[in-house]
Amino acid sequence: MALVANRRSVMTLFSSATDSQSHRVRLVFAEKGITVEVVDVDGNNKPEDLIDINPYNSVPTLVDRELVLYDPRTIMEYLDERFPHPPLMPVDPVSRARTRLALYRIEKDWYEQLPALESRNEKLCTKARKILRDSLASGAEVFGAKPYFLSDEFSLVDATIIPVLWRLKSFHIELPRQAKPVMQYAERMFARESFQASLSEAEREMME
């Protein structure tokens, strides 16, 4: 594994052009202005390097010299610690713990619906659409409380939420009227230069 990693002189991110987990990692790279070589991975024809270094053969996978990481949140926190400006996690332990709990809930409540939404099983899609739509609508007021999600600064929580909101149209999810704060938040985040820089061509087409 080390030999494969050491062949690379700059950080390399194995990423899928449509995968939301890859997108949230690419967004952190863009937000921090970190130089990275992005390797687009075709799910049906994965590169040998990825198979060699990641036992789960999954994306996103980050290679930073001898270090190989393949859990999205681990990658994001590593990037935030290695490149501390701008900081995307709070400094104090209590706030950091609350941020991690927010990330956990987003992953459990929203990200776990995405495989069903990306499947061709209409029964699964219908159920997942309702769960995601209702969850976003029920928490709509939180999105309007501060400029970013429960924060005055952009954080890893925002980087995790935005890829989900960007995909709502492609998932045929229309939020109810009471979820207006969610869509206002989404419009602000979509307009950010870093977000636009994070998009793959396939992701741009999701809004067409």
N, C-alpha and C. Protein backbone atom coordinates (compact mmCIF):
# COMPACT_ATOMS: atom_id res chain seq x y z
N MET A 1 0.82 -1.20 0.00
CA MET A 1 0.00 0.00 0.00
C MET A 1 0.86 1.25 0.00
N ALA A 2 1.89 1.28 0.80
CA ALA A 2 2.75 2.45 0.90
C ALA A 2 3.45 2.75 -0.42
N LEU A 3 3.84 1.67 -1.13
CA LEU A 3 4.53 1.87 -2.40
C LEU A 3 3.62 2.55 -3.41
N VAL A 4 2.36 2.13 -3.43
CA VAL A 4 1.40 2.75 -4.36
C VAL A 4 1.22 4.22 -4.00
N ALA A 5 1.07 4.51 -2.71
CA ALA A 5 0.84 5.88 -2.27
C ALA A 5 2.05 6.77 -2.54
N ASN A 6 3.25 6.24 -2.31
CA ASN A 6 4.46 7.05 -2.43
C ASN A 6 4.78 7.44 -3.87
N ARG A 7 4.18 6.78 -4.83
CA ARG A 7 4.43 7.15 -6.23
C ARG A 7 3.83 8.52 -6.55
N ARG A 8 2.93 9.00 -5.71
CA ARG A 8 2.22 10.23 -5.99
C ARG A 8 2.83 11.38 -5.22
N SER A 9 3.21 12.44 -5.92
CA SER A 9 3.89 13.58 -5.29
C SER A 9 2.91 14.61 -4.74
N VAL A 10 1.66 14.61 -5.23
CA VAL A 10 0.63 15.51 -4.71
C VAL A 10 -0.55 14.68 -4.24
N MET A 11 -1.40 15.30 -3.47
CA MET A 11 -2.58 14.58 -2.99
C MET A 11 -3.45 14.16 -4.16
N THR A 12 -4.00 12.97 -4.05
CA THR A 12 -4.87 12.43 -5.09
C THR A 12 -6.20 12.03 -4.46
N LEU A 13 -7.27 12.43 -5.11
CA LEU A 13 -8.60 12.05 -4.65
C LEU A 13 -9.27 11.20 -5.71
N PHE A 14 -9.54 9.96 -5.36
CA PHE A 14 -10.36 9.11 -6.22
C PHE A 14 -11.81 9.46 -5.93
N SER A 15 -12.53 9.90 -6.96
CA SER A 15 -13.84 10.49 -6.78
C SER A 15 -14.78 10.09 -7.90
N SER A 16 -16.05 9.96 -7.58
CA SER A 16 -17.06 9.76 -8.61
C SER A 16 -17.69 11.10 -8.95
N ALA A 17 -17.97 11.32 -10.21
CA ALA A 17 -18.51 12.61 -10.68
C ALA A 17 -19.93 12.86 -10.21
N THR A 18 -20.63 11.82 -9.76
CA THR A 18 -22.03 12.01 -9.34
C THR A 18 -22.27 11.61 -7.89
N ASP A 19 -21.27 11.11 -7.22
CA ASP A 19 -21.42 10.61 -5.85
C ASP A 19 -21.45 11.75 -4.84
N SER A 20 -22.47 11.77 -3.99
CA SER A 20 -22.61 12.85 -3.01
C SER A 20 -21.51 12.83 -1.96
N GLN A 21 -21.03 11.63 -1.59
CA GLN A 21 -19.95 11.54 -0.61
C GLN A 21 -18.66 12.12 -1.19
N SER A 22 -18.40 11.84 -2.46
CA SER A 22 -17.23 12.42 -3.13
C SER A 22 -17.39 13.93 -3.23
N HIS A 23 -18.62 14.37 -3.49
CA HIS A 23 -18.88 15.81 -3.67
C HIS A 23 -18.57 16.58 -2.39
N ARG A 24 -18.98 16.05 -1.24
CA ARG A 24 -18.74 16.79 0.01
C ARG A 24 -17.25 16.94 0.28
N VAL A 25 -16.46 15.95 -0.11
CA VAL A 25 -15.01 16.04 0.05
C VAL A 25 -14.43 17.04 -0.94
N ARG A 26 -14.89 17.00 -2.19
CA ARG A 26 -14.41 17.97 -3.19
C ARG A 26 -14.73 19.39 -2.77
N LEU A 27 -15.85 19.56 -2.09
CA LEU A 27 -16.25 20.89 -1.63
C LEU A 27 -15.28 21.42 -0.57
N VAL A 28 -14.78 20.55 0.29
CA VAL A 28 -13.79 20.98 1.29
C VAL A 28 -12.49 21.39 0.59
N PHE A 29 -12.07 20.63 -0.40
CA PHE A 29 -10.88 21.01 -1.17
C PHE A 29 -11.06 22.40 -1.78
N ALA A 30 -12.24 22.63 -2.37
CA ALA A 30 -12.49 23.92 -3.03
C ALA A 30 -12.57 25.05 -2.01
N GLU A 31 -13.19 24.81 -0.88
CA GLU A 31 -13.35 25.84 0.14
C GLU A 31 -11.99 26.29 0.68
N LYS A 32 -11.06 25.35 0.79
CA LYS A 32 -9.75 25.66 1.33
C LYS A 32 -8.72 25.99 0.25
N GLY A 33 -9.10 25.84 -1.01
CA GLY A 33 -8.17 26.13 -2.09
C GLY A 33 -6.98 25.19 -2.13
N ILE A 34 -7.22 23.91 -1.82
CA ILE A 34 -6.14 22.91 -1.78
C ILE A 34 -5.96 22.30 -3.16
N THR A 35 -4.72 22.21 -3.59
CA THR A 35 -4.42 21.56 -4.87
C THR A 35 -4.52 20.05 -4.71
N VAL A 36 -5.26 19.42 -5.60
CA VAL A 36 -5.43 17.97 -5.55
C VAL A 36 -5.62 17.44 -6.97
N GLU A 37 -5.10 16.26 -7.20
CA GLU A 37 -5.35 15.57 -8.47
C GLU A 37 -6.59 14.71 -8.28
N VAL A 38 -7.62 15.02 -9.04
CA VAL A 38 -8.87 14.26 -8.93
C VAL A 38 -8.90 13.18 -10.00
N VAL A 39 -9.05 11.94 -9.58
CA VAL A 39 -9.17 10.80 -10.48
C VAL A 39 -10.63 10.40 -10.54
N ASP A 40 -11.28 10.61 -11.69
CA ASP A 40 -12.68 10.24 -11.83
C ASP A 40 -12.80 8.72 -11.95
N VAL A 41 -13.60 8.16 -11.09
CA VAL A 41 -13.72 6.71 -11.02
C VAL A 41 -15.05 6.27 -11.63
N ASP A 42 -14.96 5.37 -12.58
CA ASP A 42 -16.13 4.73 -13.18
C ASP A 42 -16.45 3.51 -12.34
N GLY A 43 -17.65 3.47 -11.81
CA GLY A 43 -18.03 2.36 -10.93
C GLY A 43 -17.92 0.99 -11.57
N ASN A 44 -18.01 0.94 -12.90
CA ASN A 44 -17.93 -0.34 -13.60
C ASN A 44 -16.52 -0.69 -14.05
N ASN A 45 -15.58 0.25 -13.87
CA ASN A 45 -14.22 -0.01 -14.32
C ASN A 45 -13.25 0.74 -13.40
N LYS A 46 -13.13 0.28 -12.17
CA LYS A 46 -12.33 0.99 -11.17
C LYS A 46 -10.84 0.78 -11.42
N PRO A 47 -10.03 1.84 -11.23
CA PRO A 47 -8.59 1.74 -11.49
C PRO A 47 -7.90 0.77 -10.53
N GLU A 48 -6.83 0.16 -11.00
CA GLU A 48 -6.11 -0.81 -10.18
C GLU A 48 -5.55 -0.18 -8.91
N ASP A 49 -5.11 1.08 -9.00
CA ASP A 49 -4.57 1.76 -7.83
C ASP A 49 -5.58 1.77 -6.69
N LEU A 50 -6.84 2.04 -7.01
CA LEU A 50 -7.88 2.11 -5.98
C LEU A 50 -8.08 0.74 -5.35
N ILE A 51 -8.10 -0.27 -6.16
CA ILE A 51 -8.27 -1.64 -5.65
C ILE A 51 -7.13 -2.02 -4.73
N ASP A 52 -5.93 -1.55 -5.06
CA ASP A 52 -4.74 -1.89 -4.27
C ASP A 52 -4.72 -1.21 -2.91
N ILE A 53 -5.24 0.01 -2.81
CA ILE A 53 -5.05 0.79 -1.58
C ILE A 53 -6.26 0.84 -0.67
N ASN A 54 -7.43 0.52 -1.19
CA ASN A 54 -8.65 0.63 -0.39
C ASN A 54 -9.34 -0.73 -0.32
N PRO A 55 -9.40 -1.34 0.85
CA PRO A 55 -9.99 -2.67 0.97
C PRO A 55 -11.47 -2.71 0.61
N TYR A 56 -12.13 -1.54 0.67
CA TYR A 56 -13.55 -1.47 0.33
C TYR A 56 -13.77 -1.06 -1.13
N ASN A 57 -12.67 -0.68 -1.81
CA ASN A 57 -12.75 -0.34 -3.24
C ASN A 57 -13.81 0.74 -3.48
N SER A 58 -13.83 1.74 -2.61
CA SER A 58 -14.90 2.74 -2.61
C SER A 58 -14.35 4.14 -2.85
N VAL A 59 -15.26 5.05 -3.18
CA VAL A 59 -14.94 6.47 -3.29
C VAL A 59 -15.81 7.22 -2.29
N PRO A 60 -15.30 8.35 -1.80
CA PRO A 60 -13.99 8.95 -2.10
C PRO A 60 -12.86 8.25 -1.37
N THR A 61 -11.68 8.25 -1.98
CA THR A 61 -10.46 7.76 -1.34
C THR A 61 -9.38 8.82 -1.55
N LEU A 62 -8.74 9.21 -0.47
CA LEU A 62 -7.68 10.21 -0.52
C LEU A 62 -6.32 9.56 -0.31
N VAL A 63 -5.37 9.91 -1.19
CA VAL A 63 -3.99 9.46 -1.04
C VAL A 63 -3.12 10.70 -0.82
N ASP A 64 -2.47 10.74 0.32
CA ASP A 64 -1.56 11.84 0.65
C ASP A 64 -0.22 11.22 1.05
N ARG A 65 0.63 11.02 0.03
CA ARG A 65 1.90 10.32 0.22
C ARG A 65 1.65 8.93 0.80
N GLU A 66 2.14 8.67 2.04
CA GLU A 66 1.98 7.32 2.58
C GLU A 66 0.61 7.10 3.24
N LEU A 67 -0.17 8.16 3.36
CA LEU A 67 -1.47 8.07 4.03
C LEU A 67 -2.59 7.80 3.03
N VAL A 68 -3.45 6.84 3.35
CA VAL A 68 -4.62 6.55 2.53
C VAL A 68 -5.86 6.59 3.43
N LEU A 69 -6.83 7.42 3.06
CA LEU A 69 -8.07 7.54 3.82
C LEU A 69 -9.25 7.26 2.90
N TYR A 70 -10.25 6.56 3.44
CA TYR A 70 -11.39 6.23 2.58
C TYR A 70 -12.73 6.33 3.29
N ASP A 71 -12.80 7.08 4.38
CA ASP A 71 -14.08 7.42 4.99
C ASP A 71 -14.30 8.92 4.77
N PRO A 72 -15.43 9.33 4.19
CA PRO A 72 -15.61 10.74 3.83
C PRO A 72 -15.39 11.71 4.97
N ARG A 73 -15.99 11.43 6.13
CA ARG A 73 -15.86 12.38 7.22
C ARG A 73 -14.43 12.40 7.77
N THR A 74 -13.77 11.26 7.78
CA THR A 74 -12.37 11.22 8.20
C THR A 74 -11.51 12.07 7.27
N ILE A 75 -11.77 11.97 5.96
CA ILE A 75 -11.02 12.77 4.98
C ILE A 75 -11.25 14.26 5.24
N MET A 76 -12.50 14.64 5.45
CA MET A 76 -12.84 16.05 5.65
C MET A 76 -12.18 16.62 6.90
N GLU A 77 -12.21 15.86 7.99
CA GLU A 77 -11.60 16.34 9.23
C GLU A 77 -10.08 16.39 9.10
N TYR A 78 -9.51 15.43 8.38
CA TYR A 78 -8.06 15.44 8.16
C TYR A 78 -7.65 16.69 7.38
N LEU A 79 -8.39 17.01 6.33
CA LEU A 79 -8.07 18.19 5.53
C LEU A 79 -8.20 19.46 6.37
N ASP A 80 -9.21 19.50 7.23
CA ASP A 80 -9.40 20.69 8.06
C ASP A 80 -8.27 20.86 9.07
N GLU A 81 -7.73 19.75 9.57
CA GLU A 81 -6.63 19.83 10.53
C GLU A 81 -5.30 20.11 9.84
N ARG A 82 -5.11 19.52 8.67
CA ARG A 82 -3.84 19.73 7.97
C ARG A 82 -3.76 21.12 7.34
N PHE A 83 -4.89 21.61 6.86
CA PHE A 83 -4.95 22.95 6.24
C PHE A 83 -5.93 23.78 7.06
N PRO A 84 -5.47 24.38 8.15
CA PRO A 84 -6.38 24.98 9.13
C PRO A 84 -7.08 26.28 8.74
N HIS A 85 -6.74 26.85 7.59
CA HIS A 85 -7.37 28.12 7.19
C HIS A 85 -8.07 27.97 5.85
N PRO A 86 -9.35 28.33 5.76
CA PRO A 86 -10.20 28.73 6.88
C PRO A 86 -10.64 27.51 7.69
N PRO A 87 -10.81 27.66 9.00
CA PRO A 87 -11.23 26.52 9.82
C PRO A 87 -12.67 26.14 9.53
N LEU A 88 -12.93 24.86 9.42
CA LEU A 88 -14.29 24.38 9.13
C LEU A 88 -14.87 23.59 10.30
N MET A 89 -14.15 23.58 11.42
CA MET A 89 -14.64 22.98 12.66
C MET A 89 -14.43 23.98 13.79
N PRO A 90 -15.32 24.01 14.79
CA PRO A 90 -15.13 24.90 15.93
C PRO A 90 -13.87 24.53 16.71
N VAL A 91 -13.38 25.47 17.49
CA VAL A 91 -12.16 25.26 18.26
C VAL A 91 -12.42 24.52 19.57
N ASP A 92 -13.49 24.89 20.27
CA ASP A 92 -13.69 24.33 21.61
C ASP A 92 -14.32 22.93 21.54
N PRO A 93 -14.01 22.06 22.51
CA PRO A 93 -14.46 20.66 22.49
C PRO A 93 -15.97 20.49 22.45
N VAL A 94 -16.70 21.32 23.19
CA VAL A 94 -18.16 21.17 23.23
C VAL A 94 -18.76 21.45 21.85
N SER A 95 -18.34 22.54 21.23
CA SER A 95 -18.85 22.88 19.89
C SER A 95 -18.43 21.85 18.85
N ARG A 96 -17.21 21.33 18.98
CA ARG A 96 -16.75 20.30 18.04
C ARG A 96 -17.60 19.03 18.18
N ALA A 97 -17.93 18.69 19.42
CA ALA A 97 -18.76 17.51 19.65
C ALA A 97 -20.16 17.71 19.05
N ARG A 98 -20.70 18.90 19.21
CA ARG A 98 -22.03 19.19 18.63
C ARG A 98 -21.98 19.15 17.10
N THR A 99 -20.88 19.63 16.53
CA THR A 99 -20.73 19.58 15.07
C THR A 99 -20.67 18.13 14.59
N ARG A 100 -19.91 17.31 15.30
CA ARG A 100 -19.82 15.89 14.92
C ARG A 100 -21.16 15.19 15.06
N LEU A 101 -21.93 15.56 16.07
CA LEU A 101 -23.26 14.97 16.23
C LEU A 101 -24.18 15.40 15.09
N ALA A 102 -24.08 16.67 14.69
CA ALA A 102 -24.87 17.15 13.55
C ALA A 102 -24.51 16.39 12.28
N LEU A 103 -23.23 16.16 12.06
CA LEU A 103 -22.77 15.39 10.90
C LEU A 103 -23.32 13.97 10.94
N TYR A 104 -23.28 13.38 12.13
CA TYR A 104 -23.79 12.01 12.28
C TYR A 104 -25.28 11.94 11.93
N ARG A 105 -26.05 12.92 12.41
CA ARG A 105 -27.48 12.91 12.15
C ARG A 105 -27.78 13.13 10.67
N ILE A 106 -27.05 14.01 10.03
CA ILE A 106 -27.25 14.24 8.59
C ILE A 106 -26.95 12.98 7.80
N GLU A 107 -25.87 12.31 8.17
CA GLU A 107 -25.50 11.07 7.49
C GLU A 107 -26.55 9.99 7.70
N LYS A 108 -27.06 9.87 8.93
CA LYS A 108 -28.06 8.84 9.23
C LYS A 108 -29.42 9.18 8.63
N ASP A 109 -29.85 10.44 8.76
CA ASP A 109 -31.21 10.81 8.35
C ASP A 109 -31.33 11.08 6.86
N TRP A 110 -30.29 11.65 6.26
CA TRP A 110 -30.38 12.06 4.85
C TRP A 110 -29.54 11.20 3.92
N TYR A 111 -28.27 11.04 4.25
CA TYR A 111 -27.39 10.29 3.34
C TYR A 111 -27.81 8.83 3.19
N GLU A 112 -28.39 8.26 4.22
CA GLU A 112 -28.82 6.86 4.11
C GLU A 112 -30.00 6.68 3.17
N GLN A 113 -30.67 7.77 2.80
CA GLN A 113 -31.76 7.70 1.82
C GLN A 113 -31.26 7.74 0.39
N LEU A 114 -30.03 8.19 0.19
CA LEU A 114 -29.55 8.43 -1.17
C LEU A 114 -29.41 7.17 -2.03
N PRO A 115 -28.91 6.05 -1.49
CA PRO A 115 -28.84 4.85 -2.34
C PRO A 115 -30.20 4.45 -2.90
N ALA A 116 -31.25 4.55 -2.08
CA ALA A 116 -32.59 4.23 -2.58
C ALA A 116 -33.03 5.20 -3.66
N LEU A 117 -32.73 6.49 -3.47
CA LEU A 117 -33.10 7.50 -4.45
C LEU A 117 -32.35 7.34 -5.76
N GLU A 118 -31.16 6.76 -5.69
CA GLU A 118 -30.36 6.55 -6.89
C GLU A 118 -30.64 5.20 -7.55
N SER A 119 -31.47 4.39 -6.91
CA SER A 119 -31.81 3.07 -7.45
C SER A 119 -32.94 3.20 -8.48
N ARG A 120 -33.23 2.10 -9.13
CA ARG A 120 -34.32 2.10 -10.11
C ARG A 120 -35.58 1.47 -9.53
N ASN A 121 -35.55 1.23 -8.22
CA ASN A 121 -36.71 0.63 -7.56
C ASN A 121 -37.66 1.74 -7.13
N GLU A 122 -38.77 1.88 -7.84
CA GLU A 122 -39.67 3.00 -7.59
C GLU A 122 -40.27 2.96 -6.19
N LYS A 123 -40.51 1.77 -5.67
CA LYS A 123 -41.06 1.66 -4.32
C LYS A 123 -40.08 2.22 -3.29
N LEU A 124 -38.80 1.86 -3.44
CA LEU A 124 -37.78 2.38 -2.54
C LEU A 124 -37.60 3.88 -2.71
N CYS A 125 -37.64 4.34 -3.97
CA CYS A 125 -37.49 5.77 -4.26
C CYS A 125 -38.60 6.58 -3.61
N THR A 126 -39.83 6.09 -3.74
CA THR A 126 -40.98 6.81 -3.19
C THR A 126 -40.87 6.96 -1.68
N LYS A 127 -40.49 5.88 -1.02
CA LYS A 127 -40.34 5.92 0.44
C LYS A 127 -39.23 6.87 0.85
N ALA A 128 -38.07 6.79 0.15
CA ALA A 128 -36.92 7.64 0.49
C ALA A 128 -37.22 9.11 0.22
N ARG A 129 -37.94 9.40 -0.87
CA ARG A 129 -38.32 10.78 -1.17
C ARG A 129 -39.14 11.38 -0.03
N LYS A 130 -40.10 10.61 0.45
CA LYS A 130 -40.97 11.11 1.54
C LYS A 130 -40.16 11.35 2.81
N ILE A 131 -39.28 10.41 3.14
CA ILE A 131 -38.47 10.56 4.36
C ILE A 131 -37.60 11.80 4.28
N LEU A 132 -36.92 11.99 3.14
CA LEU A 132 -36.01 13.13 3.00
C LEU A 132 -36.79 14.44 2.95
N ARG A 133 -37.87 14.48 2.18
CA ARG A 133 -38.68 15.70 2.08
C ARG A 133 -39.24 16.08 3.44
N ASP A 134 -39.80 15.13 4.17
CA ASP A 134 -40.39 15.43 5.47
C ASP A 134 -39.34 15.85 6.49
N SER A 135 -38.18 15.23 6.44
CA SER A 135 -37.12 15.57 7.37
C SER A 135 -36.63 17.00 7.14
N LEU A 136 -36.43 17.37 5.89
CA LEU A 136 -35.98 18.73 5.56
C LEU A 136 -37.04 19.75 5.94
N ALA A 137 -38.30 19.44 5.66
CA ALA A 137 -39.38 20.38 5.96
C ALA A 137 -39.55 20.57 7.46
N SER A 138 -39.42 19.51 8.23
CA SER A 138 -39.63 19.60 9.67
C SER A 138 -38.55 20.42 10.37
N GLY A 139 -37.37 20.48 9.77
CA GLY A 139 -36.27 21.25 10.37
C GLY A 139 -35.99 22.56 9.66
N ALA A 140 -36.96 23.03 8.89
CA ALA A 140 -36.74 24.19 8.02
C ALA A 140 -36.32 25.44 8.79
N GLU A 141 -36.91 25.66 9.96
CA GLU A 141 -36.62 26.89 10.70
C GLU A 141 -35.14 27.00 11.07
N VAL A 142 -34.50 25.87 11.29
CA VAL A 142 -33.08 25.86 11.68
C VAL A 142 -32.23 26.48 10.58
N PHE A 143 -32.63 26.28 9.32
CA PHE A 143 -31.85 26.78 8.19
C PHE A 143 -31.85 28.31 8.11
N GLY A 144 -32.84 28.93 8.72
CA GLY A 144 -32.91 30.38 8.65
C GLY A 144 -32.38 31.08 9.88
N ALA A 145 -31.90 30.32 10.86
CA ALA A 145 -31.48 30.91 12.13
C ALA A 145 -30.18 31.71 12.02
N LYS A 146 -29.27 31.24 11.15
CA LYS A 146 -27.97 31.91 11.00
C LYS A 146 -27.57 31.88 9.52
N PRO A 147 -26.53 32.62 9.14
CA PRO A 147 -26.13 32.63 7.73
C PRO A 147 -25.78 31.24 7.19
N TYR A 148 -25.15 30.43 8.03
CA TYR A 148 -24.82 29.05 7.66
C TYR A 148 -25.59 28.13 8.59
N PHE A 149 -25.42 26.82 8.47
CA PHE A 149 -26.23 25.91 9.27
C PHE A 149 -25.82 25.99 10.74
N LEU A 150 -26.65 26.67 11.54
CA LEU A 150 -26.41 26.87 12.98
C LEU A 150 -25.04 27.49 13.26
N SER A 151 -24.55 28.30 12.34
CA SER A 151 -23.22 28.87 12.49
C SER A 151 -23.12 30.19 11.74
N ASP A 152 -22.19 31.03 12.19
CA ASP A 152 -21.91 32.28 11.48
C ASP A 152 -20.83 32.09 10.42
N GLU A 153 -20.24 30.91 10.38
CA GLU A 153 -19.18 30.60 9.42
C GLU A 153 -19.48 29.29 8.70
N PHE A 154 -18.98 29.16 7.48
CA PHE A 154 -19.10 27.92 6.71
C PHE A 154 -18.38 26.81 7.46
N SER A 155 -19.00 25.63 7.55
CA SER A 155 -18.40 24.53 8.30
C SER A 155 -18.52 23.21 7.53
N LEU A 156 -17.97 22.15 8.11
CA LEU A 156 -18.09 20.82 7.52
C LEU A 156 -19.54 20.38 7.44
N VAL A 157 -20.39 20.92 8.31
CA VAL A 157 -21.82 20.60 8.26
C VAL A 157 -22.42 21.13 6.96
N ASP A 158 -22.09 22.36 6.61
CA ASP A 158 -22.58 22.92 5.35
C ASP A 158 -22.06 22.11 4.16
N ALA A 159 -20.80 21.74 4.20
CA ALA A 159 -20.20 20.96 3.11
C ALA A 159 -20.89 19.62 2.94
N THR A 160 -21.50 19.12 4.02
CA THR A 160 -22.20 17.84 3.98
C THR A 160 -23.65 18.01 3.53
N ILE A 161 -24.28 19.10 3.91
CA ILE A 161 -25.68 19.34 3.55
C ILE A 161 -25.85 19.71 2.08
N ILE A 162 -24.98 20.58 1.59
CA ILE A 162 -25.20 21.18 0.25
C ILE A 162 -25.29 20.14 -0.87
N PRO A 163 -24.42 19.10 -0.91
CA PRO A 163 -24.57 18.11 -1.98
C PRO A 163 -25.93 17.43 -2.00
N VAL A 164 -26.55 17.27 -0.84
CA VAL A 164 -27.89 16.66 -0.79
C VAL A 164 -28.91 17.62 -1.40
N LEU A 165 -28.85 18.90 -1.00
CA LEU A 165 -29.81 19.87 -1.52
C LEU A 165 -29.65 20.06 -3.03
N TRP A 166 -28.42 20.01 -3.52
CA TRP A 166 -28.18 20.16 -4.96
C TRP A 166 -28.85 19.04 -5.75
N ARG A 167 -29.02 17.88 -5.14
CA ARG A 167 -29.56 16.71 -5.84
C ARG A 167 -31.07 16.57 -5.73
N LEU A 168 -31.74 17.45 -4.99
CA LEU A 168 -33.19 17.31 -4.80
C LEU A 168 -33.94 17.30 -6.12
N LYS A 169 -33.56 18.18 -7.04
CA LYS A 169 -34.26 18.23 -8.33
C LYS A 169 -34.11 16.93 -9.09
N SER A 170 -32.90 16.38 -9.11
CA SER A 170 -32.68 15.13 -9.84
C SER A 170 -33.38 13.95 -9.17
N PHE A 171 -33.66 14.09 -7.87
CA PHE A 171 -34.40 13.04 -7.15
C PHE A 171 -35.91 13.26 -7.23
N HIS A 172 -36.34 14.32 -7.92
CA HIS A 172 -37.76 14.66 -8.06
C HIS A 172 -38.40 14.94 -6.71
N ILE A 173 -37.66 15.69 -5.88
CA ILE A 173 -38.17 16.08 -4.57
C ILE A 173 -38.46 17.58 -4.59
N GLU A 174 -39.71 17.92 -4.37
CA GLU A 174 -40.11 19.32 -4.28
C GLU A 174 -40.52 19.60 -2.85
N LEU A 175 -39.84 20.53 -2.21
CA LEU A 175 -40.12 20.82 -0.82
C LEU A 175 -41.40 21.63 -0.68
N PRO A 176 -42.15 21.44 0.42
CA PRO A 176 -43.37 22.21 0.64
C PRO A 176 -43.07 23.67 0.94
N ARG A 177 -44.11 24.49 0.92
CA ARG A 177 -43.96 25.93 1.09
C ARG A 177 -43.29 26.29 2.42
N GLN A 178 -43.58 25.52 3.47
CA GLN A 178 -43.01 25.86 4.78
C GLN A 178 -41.50 25.60 4.86
N ALA A 179 -40.96 24.98 3.83
CA ALA A 179 -39.52 24.72 3.80
C ALA A 179 -38.76 25.82 3.07
N LYS A 180 -39.37 26.99 2.92
CA LYS A 180 -38.73 28.09 2.22
C LYS A 180 -37.35 28.44 2.78
N PRO A 181 -37.13 28.42 4.11
CA PRO A 181 -35.79 28.71 4.63
C PRO A 181 -34.72 27.75 4.11
N VAL A 182 -35.11 26.51 3.84
CA VAL A 182 -34.16 25.53 3.30
C VAL A 182 -33.70 25.96 1.92
N MET A 183 -34.65 26.36 1.08
CA MET A 183 -34.31 26.74 -0.28
C MET A 183 -33.56 28.07 -0.32
N GLN A 184 -33.87 28.98 0.59
CA GLN A 184 -33.11 30.23 0.66
C GLN A 184 -31.66 29.95 1.06
N TYR A 185 -31.51 29.06 2.01
CA TYR A 185 -30.16 28.64 2.43
C TYR A 185 -29.44 28.00 1.23
N ALA A 186 -30.14 27.12 0.52
CA ALA A 186 -29.54 26.43 -0.62
C ALA A 186 -29.06 27.43 -1.68
N GLU A 187 -29.87 28.42 -1.97
CA GLU A 187 -29.50 29.42 -2.98
C GLU A 187 -28.24 30.18 -2.57
N ARG A 188 -28.14 30.51 -1.29
CA ARG A 188 -26.93 31.20 -0.81
C ARG A 188 -25.70 30.31 -0.96
N MET A 189 -25.85 29.05 -0.62
CA MET A 189 -24.71 28.13 -0.68
C MET A 189 -24.33 27.81 -2.12
N PHE A 190 -25.32 27.65 -2.98
CA PHE A 190 -25.04 27.33 -4.39
C PHE A 190 -24.29 28.48 -5.07
N ALA A 191 -24.49 29.69 -4.60
CA ALA A 191 -23.85 30.86 -5.21
C ALA A 191 -22.39 31.02 -4.80
N ARG A 192 -21.95 30.29 -3.80
CA ARG A 192 -20.58 30.42 -3.34
C ARG A 192 -19.59 29.96 -4.41
N GLU A 193 -18.53 30.70 -4.55
CA GLU A 193 -17.51 30.37 -5.56
C GLU A 193 -16.94 28.97 -5.33
N SER A 194 -16.72 28.63 -4.06
CA SER A 194 -16.15 27.31 -3.75
C SER A 194 -17.10 26.19 -4.16
N PHE A 195 -18.40 26.41 -3.97
CA PHE A 195 -19.35 25.37 -4.36
C PHE A 195 -19.34 25.17 -5.87
N GLN A 196 -19.36 26.27 -6.60
CA GLN A 196 -19.34 26.17 -8.06
C GLN A 196 -18.07 25.46 -8.54
N ALA A 197 -16.96 25.73 -7.86
CA ALA A 197 -15.69 25.09 -8.23
C ALA A 197 -15.69 23.60 -7.92
N SER A 198 -16.52 23.18 -6.98
CA SER A 198 -16.53 21.78 -6.56
C SER A 198 -17.32 20.88 -7.51
N LEU A 199 -18.14 21.48 -8.36
CA LEU A 199 -19.05 20.70 -9.20
C LEU A 199 -18.35 20.02 -10.37
N SER A 200 -18.71 18.77 -10.59
CA SER A 200 -18.30 18.08 -11.81
C SER A 200 -19.28 18.45 -12.92
N GLU A 201 -18.95 18.14 -14.15
CA GLU A 201 -19.87 18.42 -15.25
C GLU A 201 -21.18 17.66 -15.07
N ALA A 202 -21.07 16.41 -14.62
CA ALA A 202 -22.28 15.60 -14.41
C ALA A 202 -23.16 16.21 -13.33
N GLU A 203 -22.55 16.79 -12.31
CA GLU A 203 -23.33 17.42 -11.25
C GLU A 203 -23.99 18.70 -11.74
N ARG A 204 -23.30 19.44 -12.59
CA ARG A 204 -23.93 20.65 -13.15
C ARG A 204 -25.19 20.30 -13.92
N GLU A 205 -25.16 19.18 -14.61
CA GLU A 205 -26.31 18.76 -15.42
C GLU A 205 -27.52 18.37 -14.57
N MET A 206 -27.28 18.12 -13.28
CA MET A 206 -28.41 17.74 -12.41
C MET A 206 -29.43 18.86 -12.27
N MET A 207 -29.00 20.10 -12.49
CA MET A 207 -29.91 21.23 -12.35
C MET A 207 -30.54 21.65 -13.67
N GLU A 208 -30.19 20.98 -14.73
CA GLU A 208 -30.72 21.36 -16.05
C GLU A 208 -32.08 20.72 -16.30
